[in-house]
Amino acid sequence: MPNTVILLIVLCAYGRPQSPPALCGCIRSRQLHTVRDEANAELKAAGAVFVGRITSITDTVVAATPESRTFQWPIRMVVVRVDSLWKGPEVDSLVIWTGMGGGDCGYQFQVGSSYLIFAMASDTRRLVTGICSLTQARSTADEHIRALGAPRYQRQADSGSAP
């Protein structure tokens, strides 16, 4: 009987035996009571906050540390065309790094879709985001966008005609 209980606990905690245990855990402050408070707190902590359309996604690996030659970490490089910007560099596109998903907190972006992205600046000066941030599809982000106020940068609409 005790072995059955332990087996059930392990299966509940880690899922199916052939799948790796989840490494991601998100903890949010319960002191933030409004969308505005939540958005402003994440804006303050972020390295970049913007709305953009995903133009490409590349799966790659990076060294766990700059000195490491043996341990590499799978990661996803996402190129985003910036449409509106509240914080970060005023550039046409930004590269965002995220995990692969499946327990590593990676955000599952789709090429061609638009997102409100809250990205943190990592120790290596890369912009990173994941499921623990307020990053979300643009279609669900109206409340957070209103809470952020007017963007610092807004892409001009393409005219559609060449000179």
Protein backbone atom coordinates (compact mmCIF):
# COMPACT_ATOMS: atom_id res chain seq x y z
CA MET A 1 0.00 0.00 0.00
CA PRO A 2 2.68 2.63 0.85
CA ASN A 3 4.46 1.93 -2.47
CA THR A 4 1.18 2.56 -4.35
CA VAL A 5 0.76 5.93 -2.63
CA ILE A 6 4.32 6.93 -3.49
CA LEU A 7 3.81 5.86 -7.12
CA LEU A 8 0.60 7.94 -7.35
CA ILE A 9 2.36 10.98 -5.90
CA VAL A 10 5.22 10.62 -8.39
CA LEU A 11 2.81 10.22 -11.33
CA CYS A 12 0.76 13.24 -10.27
CA ALA A 13 3.84 15.39 -9.79
CA TYR A 14 5.66 14.40 -12.97
CA GLY A 15 3.01 13.24 -15.43
CA ARG A 16 3.49 10.16 -17.58
CA PRO A 17 6.65 8.19 -16.76
CA GLN A 18 8.16 8.79 -20.26
CA SER A 19 7.77 12.59 -20.10
CA PRO A 20 10.32 14.77 -18.27
CA PRO A 21 9.26 16.56 -15.10
CA ALA A 22 8.12 20.15 -15.47
CA LEU A 23 10.89 22.61 -14.67
CA CYS A 24 8.74 25.72 -14.81
CA GLY A 25 6.88 27.29 -11.93
CA CYS A 26 5.37 30.75 -11.98
CA ILE A 27 4.86 32.76 -8.83
CA ARG A 28 2.92 36.04 -9.07
CA SER A 29 2.49 38.61 -6.37
CA ARG A 30 -0.99 38.62 -4.90
CA GLN A 31 -0.58 42.27 -3.88
CA LEU A 32 -1.33 43.54 -7.39
CA HIS A 33 -5.10 43.94 -7.51
CA THR A 34 -5.70 45.62 -10.87
CA VAL A 35 -4.61 45.07 -14.45
CA ARG A 36 -3.02 48.54 -14.35
CA ASP A 37 -0.94 47.64 -11.28
CA GLU A 38 0.09 44.34 -12.87
CA ALA A 39 1.03 45.92 -16.22
CA ASN A 40 2.95 48.81 -14.62
CA ALA A 41 4.89 46.49 -12.30
CA GLU A 42 5.93 44.29 -15.22
CA LEU A 43 6.71 47.37 -17.38
CA LYS A 44 9.03 48.66 -14.66
CA ALA A 45 10.87 45.31 -14.38
CA ALA A 46 11.06 44.55 -18.12
CA GLY A 47 13.84 45.34 -20.54
CA ALA A 48 11.33 45.76 -23.38
CA VAL A 49 7.54 45.94 -23.68
CA PHE A 50 5.98 46.05 -27.13
CA VAL A 51 3.37 44.74 -29.53
CA GLY A 52 4.73 42.99 -32.58
CA ARG A 53 4.18 40.37 -35.25
CA ILE A 54 6.33 37.22 -35.29
CA THR A 55 8.35 37.04 -38.52
CA SER A 56 10.50 33.97 -37.80
CA ILE A 57 11.21 31.32 -35.19
CA THR A 58 14.48 29.37 -35.07
CA ASP A 59 15.20 26.49 -32.70
CA THR A 60 18.82 26.42 -31.59
CA VAL A 61 21.05 25.61 -28.63
CA VAL A 62 23.18 27.89 -26.49
CA ALA A 63 25.83 27.20 -23.88
CA ALA A 64 24.45 27.18 -20.35
CA THR A 65 27.26 29.57 -19.39
CA PRO A 66 29.77 31.45 -21.56
CA GLU A 67 32.53 29.13 -20.29
CA SER A 68 30.58 25.90 -20.84
CA ARG A 69 31.48 23.81 -23.86
CA THR A 70 29.78 20.63 -22.73
CA PHE A 71 26.33 21.63 -21.49
CA GLN A 72 24.05 23.25 -24.05
CA TRP A 73 20.45 24.33 -23.59
CA PRO A 74 17.78 24.13 -26.32
CA ILE A 75 16.20 27.52 -26.89
CA ARG A 76 13.98 29.29 -29.39
CA MET A 77 15.02 32.54 -31.13
CA VAL A 78 12.00 34.62 -32.17
CA VAL A 79 12.25 37.64 -34.48
CA VAL A 80 9.45 40.15 -33.91
CA ARG A 81 8.53 43.14 -36.10
CA VAL A 82 7.80 45.94 -33.62
CA ASP A 83 4.48 47.75 -34.12
CA SER A 84 4.10 49.63 -30.79
CA LEU A 85 6.73 50.11 -28.09
CA TRP A 86 6.44 51.20 -24.46
CA LYS A 87 9.96 50.29 -23.35
CA GLY A 88 13.12 49.17 -25.11
CA PRO A 89 15.10 50.19 -28.18
CA GLU A 90 13.23 51.93 -31.01
CA VAL A 91 14.08 49.48 -33.76
CA ASP A 92 12.20 47.82 -36.62
CA SER A 93 12.61 44.30 -35.18
CA LEU A 94 13.72 42.67 -31.94
CA VAL A 95 15.04 39.19 -31.20
CA ILE A 96 13.35 37.52 -28.25
CA TRP A 97 14.57 34.28 -26.69
CA THR A 98 12.21 31.77 -25.07
CA GLY A 99 12.23 28.14 -24.04
CA MET A 100 11.01 25.31 -26.22
CA GLY A 101 7.89 24.66 -24.12
CA GLY A 102 7.03 21.39 -22.46
CA GLY A 103 8.00 22.44 -18.95
CA ASP A 104 10.77 25.00 -19.52
CA CYS A 105 8.49 28.08 -19.37
CA GLY A 106 8.86 28.76 -23.09
CA TYR A 107 6.11 30.77 -24.77
CA GLN A 108 4.59 29.10 -27.83
CA PHE A 109 4.69 31.88 -30.44
CA GLN A 110 3.26 31.40 -33.95
CA VAL A 111 4.79 32.98 -37.06
CA GLY A 112 2.46 35.65 -38.47
CA SER A 113 0.61 36.23 -35.18
CA SER A 114 0.80 39.42 -33.09
CA TYR A 115 1.62 39.53 -29.38
CA LEU A 116 2.00 41.93 -26.48
CA ILE A 117 5.47 40.98 -25.22
CA PHE A 118 7.01 41.73 -21.85
CA ALA A 119 10.70 40.73 -22.16
CA MET A 120 13.34 40.75 -19.46
CA ALA A 121 16.98 41.56 -20.18
CA SER A 122 19.11 38.52 -19.28
CA ASP A 123 22.65 38.51 -17.90
CA THR A 124 23.85 38.09 -21.49
CA ARG A 125 21.77 41.14 -22.53
CA ARG A 126 19.36 38.97 -24.48
CA LEU A 127 15.66 39.76 -24.25
CA VAL A 128 13.84 36.73 -22.87
CA THR A 129 10.20 35.97 -22.24
CA GLY A 130 8.06 33.04 -21.23
CA ILE A 131 4.73 31.91 -19.88
CA CYS A 132 5.40 33.48 -16.47
CA SER A 133 5.36 37.00 -17.90
CA LEU A 134 2.33 38.98 -19.06
CA THR A 135 3.24 38.11 -22.68
CA GLN A 136 0.05 37.20 -24.53
CA ALA A 137 -1.63 37.11 -27.91
CA ARG A 138 -2.55 40.60 -29.12
CA SER A 139 -6.16 39.45 -29.42
CA THR A 140 -6.39 39.04 -25.61
CA ALA A 141 -4.25 42.02 -24.58
CA ASP A 142 -6.63 45.02 -24.79
CA GLU A 143 -6.85 45.55 -21.01
CA HIS A 144 -3.08 45.46 -20.54
CA ILE A 145 -2.49 47.73 -23.54
CA ARG A 146 -4.96 50.29 -22.15
CA ALA A 147 -3.25 50.05 -18.77
CA LEU A 148 0.17 50.76 -20.34
CA GLY A 149 -1.09 54.02 -21.87
CA ALA A 150 0.21 55.62 -25.05
CA PRO A 151 3.21 53.83 -26.60
CA ARG A 152 6.52 55.66 -26.89
CA TYR A 153 6.85 54.46 -30.50
CA GLN A 154 4.18 53.52 -33.05
CA ARG A 155 4.99 52.06 -36.47
CA GLN A 156 3.58 54.15 -39.29
CA ALA A 157 1.07 52.30 -41.47
CA ASP A 158 2.52 51.06 -44.74
CA SER A 159 1.26 53.17 -47.63
CA GLY A 160 1.00 50.17 -49.95
CA SER A 161 2.36 52.08 -52.96
CA ALA A 162 5.94 52.49 -54.07
CA PRO A 163 7.25 55.87 -55.32
